[in-house]
Amino acid sequence: MKKFLSLLVIAFSLLQCEKDDTSTYSSSLIGEWDWFITCGGVVGCLTPTATHSTMKLVLTADSTFSRYLNDTLRSAGRFSTYILISENSTDTTNIINLDSSIQKYHIYHDTLSLSNLTFYYGSGYKRIK
């Protein structure tokens, strides 16, 4: 019974947000991004120095993305963005779907923050100039 109630609460919480498909992605997402940190979970924080690796995320205006590890293409596909709007407040959350990997995103100056919705970890990227 407790499991059922927990699932019911989670389902109700998800229904409180609606997807706004009329929004378009921010043009500030478009470009090349250099990974500089990932934090969360049981591993703590990882950096390029600690992992001896580089990662780059490329987002293009035709809604495609490419991920590189040490200058080698590791994944590519399509991306889309939308805004979750809470029905109980004016809170909104920017969401990016990178080929079925759904994450919150936030851009502040030249830094892109991507946060996983379920596993409590996030990554930071700096715009490549």
C-alpha atoms as a PDB file:
ATOM      1  CA  MET A   1       0.000   0.000   0.000  1.00  0.00           C
ATOM      2  CA  LYS A   2       2.838   2.412   0.837  1.00  0.00           C
ATOM      3  CA  LYS A   3       4.422   1.756  -2.565  1.00  0.00           C
ATOM      4  CA  PHE A   4       1.127   2.504  -4.266  1.00  0.00           C
ATOM      5  CA  LEU A   5       0.731   5.773  -2.350  1.00  0.00           C
ATOM      6  CA  SER A   6       4.309   6.760  -3.188  1.00  0.00           C
ATOM      7  CA  LEU A   7       3.685   6.101  -6.880  1.00  0.00           C
ATOM      8  CA  LEU A   8       0.453   8.057  -6.695  1.00  0.00           C
ATOM      9  CA  VAL A   9       2.235  11.053  -5.145  1.00  0.00           C
ATOM     10  CA  ILE A  10       4.946  10.929  -7.817  1.00  0.00           C
ATOM     11  CA  ALA A  11       2.376  10.685 -10.613  1.00  0.00           C
ATOM     12  CA  PHE A  12       0.385  13.585  -9.184  1.00  0.00           C
ATOM     13  CA  SER A  13       3.555  15.687  -8.912  1.00  0.00           C
ATOM     14  CA  LEU A  14       4.377  15.042 -12.557  1.00  0.00           C
ATOM     15  CA  LEU A  15       0.863  16.015 -13.588  1.00  0.00           C
ATOM     16  CA  GLN A  16       1.274  19.373 -11.852  1.00  0.00           C
ATOM     17  CA  CYS A  17       3.739  20.430 -14.541  1.00  0.00           C
ATOM     18  CA  GLU A  18       2.765  20.993 -18.098  1.00  0.00           C
ATOM     19  CA  LYS A  19       4.950  20.952 -21.157  1.00  0.00           C
ATOM     20  CA  ASP A  20       4.999  24.123 -23.214  1.00  0.00           C
ATOM     21  CA  ASP A  21       5.787  22.947 -26.758  1.00  0.00           C
ATOM     22  CA  THR A  22       5.292  26.409 -28.217  1.00  0.00           C
ATOM     23  CA  SER A  23       8.647  27.575 -26.886  1.00  0.00           C
ATOM     24  CA  THR A  24      11.746  27.466 -29.003  1.00  0.00           C
ATOM     25  CA  TYR A  25      15.210  26.830 -27.764  1.00  0.00           C
ATOM     26  CA  SER A  26      17.387  29.697 -26.775  1.00  0.00           C
ATOM     27  CA  SER A  27      19.845  30.606 -29.500  1.00  0.00           C
ATOM     28  CA  SER A  28      22.383  30.978 -26.708  1.00  0.00           C
ATOM     29  CA  LEU A  29      22.464  27.147 -26.526  1.00  0.00           C
ATOM     30  CA  ILE A  30      23.888  26.934 -30.035  1.00  0.00           C
ATOM     31  CA  GLY A  31      27.647  26.502 -30.163  1.00  0.00           C
ATOM     32  CA  GLU A  32      30.504  24.458 -28.790  1.00  0.00           C
ATOM     33  CA  TRP A  33      30.787  23.732 -25.078  1.00  0.00           C
ATOM     34  CA  ASP A  34      33.825  22.440 -23.174  1.00  0.00           C
ATOM     35  CA  TRP A  35      33.145  20.224 -20.132  1.00  0.00           C
ATOM     36  CA  PHE A  36      34.806  21.373 -16.900  1.00  0.00           C
ATOM     37  CA  ILE A  37      33.051  19.509 -14.062  1.00  0.00           C
ATOM     38  CA  THR A  38      30.489  16.842 -13.147  1.00  0.00           C
ATOM     39  CA  CYS A  39      29.321  16.534  -9.533  1.00  0.00           C
ATOM     40  CA  GLY A  40      26.909  14.300  -7.689  1.00  0.00           C
ATOM     41  CA  GLY A  41      26.131  10.792  -6.684  1.00  0.00           C
ATOM     42  CA  VAL A  42      28.699   8.656  -4.913  1.00  0.00           C
ATOM     43  CA  VAL A  43      31.679   9.787  -7.020  1.00  0.00           C
ATOM     44  CA  GLY A  44      31.775  13.386  -5.816  1.00  0.00           C
ATOM     45  CA  CYS A  45      33.173  15.712  -8.477  1.00  0.00           C
ATOM     46  CA  LEU A  46      35.017  14.805 -11.659  1.00  0.00           C
ATOM     47  CA  THR A  47      37.100  17.232 -13.727  1.00  0.00           C
ATOM     48  CA  PRO A  48      39.186  16.949 -16.891  1.00  0.00           C
ATOM     49  CA  THR A  49      42.331  16.929 -14.732  1.00  0.00           C
ATOM     50  CA  ALA A  50      41.026  14.127 -12.503  1.00  0.00           C
ATOM     51  CA  THR A  51      39.813  11.979 -15.416  1.00  0.00           C
ATOM     52  CA  HIS A  52      42.658  12.834 -17.842  1.00  0.00           C
ATOM     53  CA  SER A  53      40.063  13.469 -20.509  1.00  0.00           C
ATOM     54  CA  THR A  54      38.296  16.231 -22.372  1.00  0.00           C
ATOM     55  CA  MET A  55      34.668  16.344 -23.423  1.00  0.00           C
ATOM     56  CA  LYS A  56      32.953  18.679 -25.841  1.00  0.00           C
ATOM     57  CA  LEU A  57      29.255  19.167 -26.589  1.00  0.00           C
ATOM     58  CA  VAL A  58      28.276  20.761 -29.904  1.00  0.00           C
ATOM     59  CA  LEU A  59      24.706  22.055 -30.396  1.00  0.00           C
ATOM     60  CA  THR A  60      23.733  23.294 -33.864  1.00  0.00           C
ATOM     61  CA  ALA A  61      20.922  25.471 -35.181  1.00  0.00           C
ATOM     62  CA  ASP A  62      19.396  22.512 -37.054  1.00  0.00           C
ATOM     63  CA  SER A  63      18.691  20.813 -33.671  1.00  0.00           C
ATOM     64  CA  THR A  64      21.505  18.278 -33.841  1.00  0.00           C
ATOM     65  CA  PHE A  65      24.139  17.596 -31.224  1.00  0.00           C
ATOM     66  CA  SER A  66      27.493  15.843 -31.081  1.00  0.00           C
ATOM     67  CA  ARG A  67      29.426  14.688 -28.019  1.00  0.00           C
ATOM     68  CA  TYR A  68      33.172  14.195 -28.200  1.00  0.00           C
ATOM     69  CA  LEU A  69      35.474  12.438 -25.744  1.00  0.00           C
ATOM     70  CA  ASN A  70      39.132  13.319 -26.287  1.00  0.00           C
ATOM     71  CA  ASP A  71      38.268  14.686 -29.770  1.00  0.00           C
ATOM     72  CA  THR A  72      36.582  11.402 -30.799  1.00  0.00           C
ATOM     73  CA  LEU A  73      32.882  11.481 -31.648  1.00  0.00           C
ATOM     74  CA  ARG A  74      31.056   9.377 -29.019  1.00  0.00           C
ATOM     75  CA  SER A  75      27.419  10.192 -29.733  1.00  0.00           C
ATOM     76  CA  ALA A  76      25.294  12.321 -32.009  1.00  0.00           C
ATOM     77  CA  GLY A  77      21.622  12.867 -32.619  1.00  0.00           C
ATOM     78  CA  ARG A  78      18.813  15.341 -32.373  1.00  0.00           C
ATOM     79  CA  PHE A  79      17.937  17.607 -29.490  1.00  0.00           C
ATOM     80  CA  SER A  80      14.840  19.523 -28.526  1.00  0.00           C
ATOM     81  CA  THR A  81      14.005  21.914 -25.738  1.00  0.00           C
ATOM     82  CA  TYR A  82      10.871  22.880 -23.903  1.00  0.00           C
ATOM     83  CA  ILE A  83       9.788  24.645 -20.762  1.00  0.00           C
ATOM     84  CA  LEU A  84       8.035  22.954 -17.847  1.00  0.00           C
ATOM     85  CA  ILE A  85       5.560  25.311 -16.225  1.00  0.00           C
ATOM     86  CA  SER A  86       4.286  24.537 -12.744  1.00  0.00           C
ATOM     87  CA  GLU A  87       0.537  24.924 -12.442  1.00  0.00           C
ATOM     88  CA  ASN A  88       0.845  26.011  -8.799  1.00  0.00           C
ATOM     89  CA  SER A  89       3.239  28.903  -9.343  1.00  0.00           C
ATOM     90  CA  THR A  90       5.069  30.910 -11.941  1.00  0.00           C
ATOM     91  CA  ASP A  91       8.124  28.628 -11.712  1.00  0.00           C
ATOM     92  CA  THR A  92       9.501  27.367 -15.007  1.00  0.00           C
ATOM     93  CA  THR A  93      12.239  24.890 -15.812  1.00  0.00           C
ATOM     94  CA  ASN A  94      14.209  24.794 -19.065  1.00  0.00           C
ATOM     95  CA  ILE A  95      14.488  21.226 -20.360  1.00  0.00           C
ATOM     96  CA  ILE A  96      16.743  19.823 -23.060  1.00  0.00           C
ATOM     97  CA  ASN A  97      16.227  16.378 -24.564  1.00  0.00           C
ATOM     98  CA  LEU A  98      19.511  15.118 -25.993  1.00  0.00           C
ATOM     99  CA  ASP A  99      18.375  12.014 -27.871  1.00  0.00           C
ATOM    100  CA  SER A 100      16.248  10.675 -24.968  1.00  0.00           C
ATOM    101  CA  SER A 101      18.518  12.038 -22.222  1.00  0.00           C
ATOM    102  CA  ILE A 102      16.257  14.615 -20.559  1.00  0.00           C
ATOM    103  CA  GLN A 103      18.011  17.236 -18.422  1.00  0.00           C
ATOM    104  CA  LYS A 104      17.401  20.653 -16.927  1.00  0.00           C
ATOM    105  CA  TYR A 105      19.576  23.378 -18.404  1.00  0.00           C
ATOM    106  CA  HIS A 106      20.601  26.837 -17.355  1.00  0.00           C
ATOM    107  CA  ILE A 107      22.895  29.309 -19.094  1.00  0.00           C
ATOM    108  CA  TYR A 108      24.677  31.997 -17.135  1.00  0.00           C
ATOM    109  CA  HIS A 109      27.065  34.188 -19.129  1.00  0.00           C
ATOM    110  CA  ASP A 110      29.331  31.651 -20.894  1.00  0.00           C
ATOM    111  CA  THR A 111      28.513  28.665 -18.664  1.00  0.00           C
ATOM    112  CA  LEU A 112      26.008  25.912 -19.443  1.00  0.00           C
ATOM    113  CA  SER A 113      24.723  23.801 -16.566  1.00  0.00           C
ATOM    114  CA  LEU A 114      23.041  20.458 -17.301  1.00  0.00           C
ATOM    115  CA  SER A 115      21.341  18.620 -14.433  1.00  0.00           C
ATOM    116  CA  ASN A 116      19.921  15.123 -14.481  1.00  0.00           C
ATOM    117  CA  LEU A 117      16.284  15.032 -13.369  1.00  0.00           C
ATOM    118  CA  THR A 118      16.433  11.806 -11.391  1.00  0.00           C
ATOM    119  CA  PHE A 119      19.970  10.944 -10.268  1.00  0.00           C
ATOM    120  CA  TYR A 120      21.071  14.200  -8.580  1.00  0.00           C
ATOM    121  CA  TYR A 121      24.151  14.987 -10.597  1.00  0.00           C
ATOM    122  CA  GLY A 122      25.033  17.781 -12.956  1.00  0.00           C
ATOM    123  CA  SER A 123      27.724  18.942 -15.341  1.00  0.00           C
ATOM    124  CA  GLY A 124      29.195  22.311 -16.196  1.00  0.00           C
ATOM    125  CA  TYR A 125      30.397  23.449 -19.609  1.00  0.00           C
ATOM    126  CA  LYS A 126      32.174  26.623 -20.720  1.00  0.00           C
ATOM    127  CA  ARG A 127      31.429  28.107 -24.126  1.00  0.00           C
ATOM    128  CA  ILE A 128      34.307  27.677 -26.558  1.00  0.00           C
ATOM    129  CA  LYS A 129      35.090  31.055 -28.050  1.00  0.00           C
END
